[in-house]
PDB file of N, CA and C in Angstrom:
ATOM      1  N   MET A   1       0.849  -1.190   0.000  1.00  0.00           N
ATOM      2  CA  MET A   1       0.000   0.000   0.000  1.00  0.00           C
ATOM      3  C   MET A   1       0.883   1.238   0.000  1.00  0.00           C
ATOM      4  N   LYS A   2       0.569   2.174  -0.873  1.00  0.00           N
ATOM      5  CA  LYS A   2       1.346   3.402  -1.006  1.00  0.00           C
ATOM      6  C   LYS A   2       1.032   4.341   0.157  1.00  0.00           C
ATOM      7  N   ASN A   3       2.073   5.036   0.662  1.00  0.00           N
ATOM      8  CA  ASN A   3       1.862   6.004   1.735  1.00  0.00           C
ATOM      9  C   ASN A   3       1.019   7.172   1.247  1.00  0.00           C
ATOM     10  N   LYS A   4       0.158   7.668   2.116  1.00  0.00           N
ATOM     11  CA  LYS A   4      -0.683   8.809   1.790  1.00  0.00           C
ATOM     12  C   LYS A   4       0.183  10.069   1.759  1.00  0.00           C
ATOM     13  N   GLN A   5       0.036  10.879   0.721  1.00  0.00           N
ATOM     14  CA  GLN A   5       0.825  12.095   0.576  1.00  0.00           C
ATOM     15  C   GLN A   5       0.351  13.148   1.575  1.00  0.00           C
ATOM     16  N   LYS A   6       1.310  13.760   2.286  1.00  0.00           N
ATOM     17  CA  LYS A   6       0.979  14.852   3.198  1.00  0.00           C
ATOM     18  C   LYS A   6       0.690  16.095   2.379  1.00  0.00           C
ATOM     19  N   PHE A   7      -0.320  16.856   2.775  1.00  0.00           N
ATOM     20  CA  PHE A   7      -0.696  18.101   2.106  1.00  0.00           C
ATOM     21  C   PHE A   7      -0.940  17.898   0.607  1.00  0.00           C
ATOM     22  N   PRO A   8      -1.877  17.034   0.224  1.00  0.00           N
ATOM     23  CA  PRO A   8      -2.081  16.718  -1.197  1.00  0.00           C
ATOM     24  C   PRO A   8      -2.579  17.897  -2.032  1.00  0.00           C
ATOM     25  N   TYR A   9      -3.239  18.873  -1.439  1.00  0.00           N
ATOM     26  CA  TYR A   9      -3.797  19.996  -2.196  1.00  0.00           C
ATOM     27  C   TYR A   9      -2.980  21.274  -2.004  1.00  0.00           C
ATOM     28  N   LEU A  10      -1.739  21.140  -1.618  1.00  0.00           N
ATOM     29  CA  LEU A  10      -0.904  22.301  -1.310  1.00  0.00           C
ATOM     30  C   LEU A  10      -0.607  23.152  -2.538  1.00  0.00           C
ATOM     31  N   LEU A  11      -0.200  22.535  -3.613  1.00  0.00           N
ATOM     32  CA  LEU A  11       0.207  23.258  -4.816  1.00  0.00           C
ATOM     33  C   LEU A  11      -0.976  24.036  -5.397  1.00  0.00           C
ATOM     34  N   GLY A  12      -0.785  25.324  -5.590  1.00  0.00           N
ATOM     35  CA  GLY A  12      -1.836  26.179  -6.132  1.00  0.00           C
ATOM     36  C   GLY A  12      -2.760  26.774  -5.087  1.00  0.00           C
ATOM     37  N   SER A  13      -2.629  26.358  -3.823  1.00  0.00           N
ATOM     38  CA  SER A  13      -3.519  26.879  -2.790  1.00  0.00           C
ATOM     39  C   SER A  13      -3.174  28.332  -2.464  1.00  0.00           C
ATOM     40  N   LYS A  14      -4.165  29.070  -1.970  1.00  0.00           N
ATOM     41  CA  LYS A  14      -4.021  30.491  -1.671  1.00  0.00           C
ATOM     42  C   LYS A  14      -4.135  30.699  -0.169  1.00  0.00           C
ATOM     43  N   TRP A  15      -3.351  31.664   0.344  1.00  0.00           N
ATOM     44  CA  TRP A  15      -3.270  31.883   1.784  1.00  0.00           C
ATOM     45  C   TRP A  15      -3.205  33.367   2.111  1.00  0.00           C
ATOM     46  N   THR A  16      -3.780  33.720   3.260  1.00  0.00           N
ATOM     47  CA  THR A  16      -3.689  35.074   3.781  1.00  0.00           C
ATOM     48  C   THR A  16      -2.929  35.023   5.093  1.00  0.00           C
ATOM     49  N   SER A  17      -1.874  35.808   5.155  1.00  0.00           N
ATOM     50  CA  SER A  17      -1.086  35.904   6.382  1.00  0.00           C
ATOM     51  C   SER A  17      -1.825  36.794   7.375  1.00  0.00           C
ATOM     52  N   GLN A  18      -1.804  36.430   8.638  1.00  0.00           N
ATOM     53  CA  GLN A  18      -2.441  37.242   9.669  1.00  0.00           C
ATOM     54  C   GLN A  18      -1.651  38.518   9.937  1.00  0.00           C
ATOM     55  N   HIS A  19      -0.399  38.543   9.532  1.00  0.00           N
ATOM     56  CA  HIS A  19       0.486  39.688   9.704  1.00  0.00           C
ATOM     57  C   HIS A  19       1.220  39.894   8.383  1.00  0.00           C
ATOM     58  N   LYS A  20       1.610  41.118   8.099  1.00  0.00           N
ATOM     59  CA  LYS A  20       2.352  41.353   6.865  1.00  0.00           C
ATOM     60  C   LYS A  20       3.622  40.524   6.858  1.00  0.00           C
ATOM     61  N   THR A  21       3.875  39.867   5.745  1.00  0.00           N
ATOM     62  CA  THR A  21       5.060  39.034   5.558  1.00  0.00           C
ATOM     63  C   THR A  21       5.766  39.548   4.317  1.00  0.00           C
ATOM     64  N   TRP A  22       6.963  40.044   4.488  1.00  0.00           N
ATOM     65  CA  TRP A  22       7.704  40.655   3.395  1.00  0.00           C
ATOM     66  C   TRP A  22       6.884  41.770   2.743  1.00  0.00           C
ATOM     67  N   GLY A  23       6.057  42.436   3.544  1.00  0.00           N
ATOM     68  CA  GLY A  23       5.266  43.565   3.059  1.00  0.00           C
ATOM     69  C   GLY A  23       3.917  43.211   2.467  1.00  0.00           C
ATOM     70  N   TRP A  24       3.560  41.925   2.435  1.00  0.00           N
ATOM     71  CA  TRP A  24       2.307  41.492   1.808  1.00  0.00           C
ATOM     72  C   TRP A  24       1.540  40.539   2.714  1.00  0.00           C
ATOM     73  N   GLN A  25       0.262  40.330   2.365  1.00  0.00           N
ATOM     74  CA  GLN A  25      -0.556  39.398   3.140  1.00  0.00           C
ATOM     75  C   GLN A  25      -1.162  38.276   2.312  1.00  0.00           C
ATOM     76  N   HIS A  26      -1.252  38.410   0.998  1.00  0.00           N
ATOM     77  CA  HIS A  26      -1.881  37.393   0.163  1.00  0.00           C
ATOM     78  C   HIS A  26      -0.823  36.657  -0.649  1.00  0.00           C
ATOM     79  N   PHE A  27      -0.859  35.316  -0.544  1.00  0.00           N
ATOM     80  CA  PHE A  27       0.161  34.478  -1.164  1.00  0.00           C
ATOM     81  C   PHE A  27      -0.466  33.266  -1.836  1.00  0.00           C
ATOM     82  N   GLN A  28       0.296  32.674  -2.754  1.00  0.00           N
ATOM     83  CA  GLN A  28      -0.115  31.434  -3.411  1.00  0.00           C
ATOM     84  C   GLN A  28       1.065  30.468  -3.385  1.00  0.00           C
ATOM     85  N   VAL A  29       0.763  29.182  -3.180  1.00  0.00           N
ATOM     86  CA  VAL A  29       1.800  28.152  -3.185  1.00  0.00           C
ATOM     87  C   VAL A  29       2.102  27.797  -4.636  1.00  0.00           C
ATOM     88  N   VAL A  30       3.362  27.966  -5.033  1.00  0.00           N
ATOM     89  CA  VAL A  30       3.752  27.690  -6.417  1.00  0.00           C
ATOM     90  C   VAL A  30       4.657  26.474  -6.542  1.00  0.00           C
ATOM     91  N   ASN A  31       5.141  25.963  -5.421  1.00  0.00           N
ATOM     92  CA  ASN A  31       6.034  24.810  -5.460  1.00  0.00           C
ATOM     93  C   ASN A  31       5.986  24.113  -4.114  1.00  0.00           C
ATOM     94  N   ARG A  32       6.282  22.838  -4.113  1.00  0.00           N
ATOM     95  CA  ARG A  32       6.376  22.082  -2.862  1.00  0.00           C
ATOM     96  C   ARG A  32       7.615  21.213  -2.919  1.00  0.00           C
ATOM     97  N   ARG A  33       8.144  20.914  -1.750  1.00  0.00           N
ATOM     98  CA  ARG A  33       9.340  20.080  -1.681  1.00  0.00           C
ATOM     99  C   ARG A  33       9.201  19.154  -0.472  1.00  0.00           C
ATOM    100  N   ASN A  34       9.430  17.881  -0.696  1.00  0.00           N
ATOM    101  CA  ASN A  34       9.439  16.898   0.380  1.00  0.00           C
ATOM    102  C   ASN A  34      10.884  16.632   0.760  1.00  0.00           C
ATOM    103  N   GLN A  35      11.189  16.770   2.037  1.00  0.00           N
ATOM    104  CA  GLN A  35      12.521  16.453   2.542  1.00  0.00           C
ATOM    105  C   GLN A  35      12.347  15.552   3.758  1.00  0.00           C
ATOM    106  N   GLY A  36      12.470  14.255   3.504  1.00  0.00           N
ATOM    107  CA  GLY A  36      12.243  13.301   4.584  1.00  0.00           C
ATOM    108  C   GLY A  36      10.801  13.380   5.054  1.00  0.00           C
ATOM    109  N   GLU A  37      10.612  13.582   6.344  1.00  0.00           N
ATOM    110  CA  GLU A  37       9.250  13.677   6.900  1.00  0.00           C
ATOM    111  C   GLU A  37       8.667  15.079   6.774  1.00  0.00           C
ATOM    112  N   TRP A  38       9.446  16.047   6.314  1.00  0.00           N
ATOM    113  CA  TRP A  38       9.008  17.437   6.224  1.00  0.00           C
ATOM    114  C   TRP A  38       8.496  17.763   4.830  1.00  0.00           C
ATOM    115  N   VAL A  39       7.498  18.647   4.782  1.00  0.00           N
ATOM    116  CA  VAL A  39       6.976  19.172   3.523  1.00  0.00           C
ATOM    117  C   VAL A  39       7.131  20.690   3.576  1.00  0.00           C
ATOM    118  N   PHE A  40       7.725  21.254   2.535  1.00  0.00           N
ATOM    119  CA  PHE A  40       7.918  22.695   2.465  1.00  0.00           C
ATOM    120  C   PHE A  40       7.110  23.255   1.300  1.00  0.00           C
ATOM    121  N   ALA A  41       6.621  24.486   1.482  1.00  0.00           N
ATOM    122  CA  ALA A  41       5.849  25.173   0.453  1.00  0.00           C
ATOM    123  C   ALA A  41       6.574  26.456   0.069  1.00  0.00           C
ATOM    124  N   GLU A  42       6.650  26.707  -1.246  1.00  0.00           N
ATOM    125  CA  GLU A  42       7.187  27.981  -1.712  1.00  0.00           C
ATOM    126  C   GLU A  42       6.010  28.908  -1.954  1.00  0.00           C
ATOM    127  N   LEU A  43       5.977  30.013  -1.234  1.00  0.00           N
ATOM    128  CA  LEU A  43       4.902  30.990  -1.358  1.00  0.00           C
ATOM    129  C   LEU A  43       5.375  32.179  -2.179  1.00  0.00           C
ATOM    130  N   VAL A  44       4.457  32.728  -2.976  1.00  0.00           N
ATOM    131  CA  VAL A  44       4.725  33.913  -3.780  1.00  0.00           C
ATOM    132  C   VAL A  44       3.628  34.929  -3.478  1.00  0.00           C
ATOM    133  N   ALA A  45       4.017  36.176  -3.240  1.00  0.00           N
ATOM    134  CA  ALA A  45       3.036  37.232  -3.009  1.00  0.00           C
ATOM    135  C   ALA A  45       2.224  37.442  -4.277  1.00  0.00           C
ATOM    136  N   CYS A  46       0.906  37.534  -4.143  1.00  0.00           N
ATOM    137  CA  CYS A  46       0.055  37.645  -5.339  1.00  0.00           C
ATOM    138  C   CYS A  46       0.241  38.980  -6.044  1.00  0.00           C
ATOM    139  N   CYS A  47       0.645  40.018  -5.352  1.00  0.00           N
ATOM    140  CA  CYS A  47       0.815  41.339  -5.977  1.00  0.00           C
ATOM    141  C   CYS A  47       2.255  41.648  -6.360  1.00  0.00           C
ATOM    142  N   ASP A  48       3.191  40.801  -5.948  1.00  0.00           N
ATOM    143  CA  ASP A  48       4.604  41.034  -6.259  1.00  0.00           C
ATOM    144  C   ASP A  48       5.302  39.692  -6.424  1.00  0.00           C
ATOM    145  N   PRO A  49       5.372  39.173  -7.662  1.00  0.00           N
ATOM    146  CA  PRO A  49       5.954  37.848  -7.880  1.00  0.00           C
ATOM    147  C   PRO A  49       7.438  37.765  -7.525  1.00  0.00           C
ATOM    148  N   GLY A  50       8.070  38.893  -7.249  1.00  0.00           N
ATOM    149  CA  GLY A  50       9.462  38.874  -6.819  1.00  0.00           C
ATOM    150  C   GLY A  50       9.622  38.487  -5.360  1.00  0.00           C
ATOM    151  N   VAL A  51       8.515  38.497  -4.611  1.00  0.00           N
ATOM    152  CA  VAL A  51       8.554  38.112  -3.192  1.00  0.00           C
ATOM    153  C   VAL A  51       8.221  36.630  -3.104  1.00  0.00           C
ATOM    154  N   ARG A  52       9.240  35.823  -2.837  1.00  0.00           N
ATOM    155  CA  ARG A  52       9.107  34.350  -2.758  1.00  0.00           C
ATOM    156  C   ARG A  52       9.872  33.862  -1.544  1.00  0.00           C
ATOM    157  N   PHE A  53       9.304  32.873  -0.866  1.00  0.00           N
ATOM    158  CA  PHE A  53      10.010  32.270   0.267  1.00  0.00           C
ATOM    159  C   PHE A  53       9.457  30.878   0.534  1.00  0.00           C
ATOM    160  N   TRP A  54      10.260  30.065   1.205  1.00  0.00           N
ATOM    161  CA  TRP A  54       9.877  28.700   1.573  1.00  0.00           C
ATOM    162  C   TRP A  54       9.531  28.667   3.055  1.00  0.00           C
ATOM    163  N   ILE A  55       8.464  27.923   3.395  1.00  0.00           N
ATOM    164  CA  ILE A  55       8.129  27.690   4.803  1.00  0.00           C
ATOM    165  C   ILE A  55       7.759  26.225   4.973  1.00  0.00           C
ATOM    166  N   ASN A  56       7.821  25.772   6.210  1.00  0.00           N
ATOM    167  CA  ASN A  56       7.340  24.437   6.548  1.00  0.00           C
ATOM    168  C   ASN A  56       5.821  24.459   6.384  1.00  0.00           C
ATOM    169  N   ALA A  57       5.279  23.543   5.603  1.00  0.00           N
ATOM    170  CA  ALA A  57       3.842  23.529   5.311  1.00  0.00           C
ATOM    171  C   ALA A  57       2.996  23.377   6.573  1.00  0.00           C
ATOM    172  N   LYS A  58       3.546  22.828   7.631  1.00  0.00           N
ATOM    173  CA  LYS A  58       2.787  22.701   8.887  1.00  0.00           C
ATOM    174  C   LYS A  58       2.406  24.063   9.443  1.00  0.00           C
ATOM    175  N   GLN A  59       3.198  25.084   9.152  1.00  0.00           N
ATOM    176  CA  GLN A  59       2.887  26.425   9.647  1.00  0.00           C
ATOM    177  C   GLN A  59       1.579  26.943   9.069  1.00  0.00           C
ATOM    178  N   LEU A  60       1.215  26.485   7.879  1.00  0.00           N
ATOM    179  CA  LEU A  60      -0.031  26.938   7.264  1.00  0.00           C
ATOM    180  C   LEU A  60      -1.266  26.464   8.034  1.00  0.00           C
ATOM    181  N   LYS A  61      -1.114  25.468   8.877  1.00  0.00           N
ATOM    182  CA  LYS A  61      -2.228  24.979   9.697  1.00  0.00           C
ATOM    183  C   LYS A  61      -2.445  25.832  10.942  1.00  0.00           C
ATOM    184  N   ASP A  62      -1.482  26.687  11.269  1.00  0.00           N
ATOM    185  CA  ASP A  62      -1.565  27.538  12.454  1.00  0.00           C
ATOM    186  C   ASP A  62      -2.433  28.753  12.136  1.00  0.00           C
ATOM    187  N   ARG A  63      -3.663  28.782  12.634  1.00  0.00           N
ATOM    188  CA  ARG A  63      -4.616  29.849  12.325  1.00  0.00           C
ATOM    189  C   ARG A  63      -4.205  31.199  12.901  1.00  0.00           C
ATOM    190  N   SER A  64      -3.287  31.222  13.851  1.00  0.00           N
ATOM    191  CA  SER A  64      -2.802  32.513  14.350  1.00  0.00           C
ATOM    192  C   SER A  64      -1.804  33.129  13.371  1.00  0.00           C
ATOM    193  N   LEU A  65      -1.328  32.341  12.391  1.00  0.00           N
ATOM    194  CA  LEU A  65      -0.380  32.827  11.393  1.00  0.00           C
ATOM    195  C   LEU A  65      -0.990  32.942   9.998  1.00  0.00           C
ATOM    196  N   TRP A  66      -1.829  31.962   9.608  1.00  0.00           N
ATOM    197  CA  TRP A  66      -2.332  31.875   8.235  1.00  0.00           C
ATOM    198  C   TRP A  66      -3.806  31.509   8.213  1.00  0.00           C
ATOM    199  N   GLN A  67      -4.514  31.993   7.181  1.00  0.00           N
ATOM    200  CA  GLN A  67      -5.886  31.578   6.889  1.00  0.00           C
ATOM    201  C   GLN A  67      -5.922  31.070   5.451  1.00  0.00           C
ATOM    202  N   ALA A  68      -6.647  29.996   5.232  1.00  0.00           N
ATOM    203  CA  ALA A  68      -6.783  29.464   3.876  1.00  0.00           C
ATOM    204  C   ALA A  68      -7.590  30.427   3.024  1.00  0.00           C
ATOM    205  N   GLY A  69      -7.180  30.588   1.780  1.00  0.00           N
ATOM    206  CA  GLY A  69      -7.860  31.488   0.854  1.00  0.00           C
ATOM    207  C   GLY A  69      -7.363  32.915   0.987  1.00  0.00           C
ATOM    208  N   TRP A  70      -7.834  33.762   0.098  1.00  0.00           N
ATOM    209  CA  TRP A  70      -7.501  35.184   0.164  1.00  0.00           C
ATOM    210  C   TRP A  70      -8.637  35.873   0.884  1.00  0.00           C
ATOM    211  N   ARG A  71      -8.365  36.375   2.058  1.00  0.00           N
ATOM    212  CA  ARG A  71      -9.360  37.022   2.900  1.00  0.00           C
ATOM    213  C   ARG A  71      -9.237  38.538   2.801  1.00  0.00           C
ATOM    214  N   PRO A  72     -10.352  39.257   2.988  1.00  0.00           N
ATOM    215  CA  PRO A  72     -10.273  40.722   2.988  1.00  0.00           C
ATOM    216  C   PRO A  72      -9.375  41.192   4.133  1.00  0.00           C
ATOM    217  N   LEU A  73      -8.649  42.274   3.884  1.00  0.00           N
ATOM    218  CA  LEU A  73      -7.746  42.780   4.904  1.00  0.00           C
ATOM    219  C   LEU A  73      -8.487  43.510   6.007  1.00  0.00           C
ATOM    220  N   SER A  74      -9.597  44.176   5.673  1.00  0.00           N
ATOM    221  CA  SER A  74     -10.413  44.845   6.674  1.00  0.00           C
ATOM    222  C   SER A  74     -11.847  44.859   6.168  1.00  0.00           C
ATOM    223  N   PRO A  75     -12.785  45.011   7.076  1.00  0.00           N
ATOM    224  CA  PRO A  75     -14.182  45.028   6.626  1.00  0.00           C
ATOM    225  C   PRO A  75     -14.427  46.194   5.673  1.00  0.00           C
ATOM    226  N   VAL A  76     -15.270  45.957   4.681  1.00  0.00           N
ATOM    227  CA  VAL A  76     -15.627  47.007   3.740  1.00  0.00           C
ATOM    228  C   VAL A  76     -16.653  47.903   4.418  1.00  0.00           C
ATOM    229  N   THR A  77     -16.413  49.199   4.388  1.00  0.00           N
ATOM    230  CA  THR A  77     -17.359  50.126   4.997  1.00  0.00           C
ATOM    231  C   THR A  77     -18.060  50.923   3.905  1.00  0.00           C
ATOM    232  N   ASN A  78     -19.305  51.277   4.166  1.00  0.00           N
ATOM    233  CA  ASN A  78     -20.045  52.089   3.214  1.00  0.00           C
ATOM    234  C   ASN A  78     -19.649  53.534   3.392  1.00  0.00           C
ATOM    235  N   ILE A  79     -19.449  54.214   2.284  1.00  0.00           N
ATOM    236  CA  ILE A  79     -19.143  55.631   2.327  1.00  0.00           C
ATOM    237  C   ILE A  79     -20.411  56.360   1.915  1.00  0.00           C
ATOM    238  N   THR A  80     -20.875  57.241   2.772  1.00  0.00           N
ATOM    239  CA  THR A  80     -22.100  57.997   2.455  1.00  0.00           C
ATOM    240  C   THR A  80     -21.735  59.428   2.147  1.00  0.00           C
ATOM    241  N   ASP A  81     -22.543  60.052   1.337  1.00  0.00           N
ATOM    242  CA  ASP A  81     -22.340  61.440   0.971  1.00  0.00           C
ATOM    243  C   ASP A  81     -23.123  62.302   1.966  1.00  0.00           C
ATOM    244  N   ASP A  82     -22.401  62.985   2.835  1.00  0.00           N
ATOM    245  CA  ASP A  82     -23.041  63.804   3.872  1.00  0.00           C
ATOM    246  C   ASP A  82     -23.499  65.158   3.354  1.00  0.00           C
ATOM    247  N   THR A  83     -23.280  65.453   2.075  1.00  0.00           N
ATOM    248  CA  THR A  83     -23.649  66.766   1.538  1.00  0.00           C
ATOM    249  C   THR A  83     -25.120  66.819   1.145  1.00  0.00           C
ATOM    250  N   THR A  84     -25.811  65.668   1.116  1.00  0.00           N
ATOM    251  CA  THR A  84     -27.233  65.695   0.748  1.00  0.00           C
ATOM    252  C   THR A  84     -28.050  66.087   1.946  1.00  0.00           C
ATOM    253  N   GLU A  85     -29.127  66.820   1.671  1.00  0.00           N
ATOM    254  CA  GLU A  85     -29.984  67.257   2.770  1.00  0.00           C
ATOM    255  C   GLU A  85     -31.354  66.667   2.680  1.00  0.00           C
TER     256      GLU A  85
END
C-alpha cells in the first residue's frame, strides 16, 4: 500500500497571512518540496511575484499565522455622501 501524501492539495492553494510578511498578506503556493518527513511550500506574493520564500507547510495549519484562501484585509465600509440634505 502506497503512503498517503501529506498536504495533497498544497500546490496552487491560496493563503492570507495574519500579519504582513515581506510587506504582503496574500500568497499562493507555487512549489512544494518533500525532505524526509518534512513538507515545504514555496509561497509567492500575489501582488509582487518577486517576493518568494519557503516555509514548513505545517505552519499553514496555524490559524494565528495563516488563513486558507484570500481574505479581505479589513471590513468594507459604506461611504455615504453627507452633503445631501
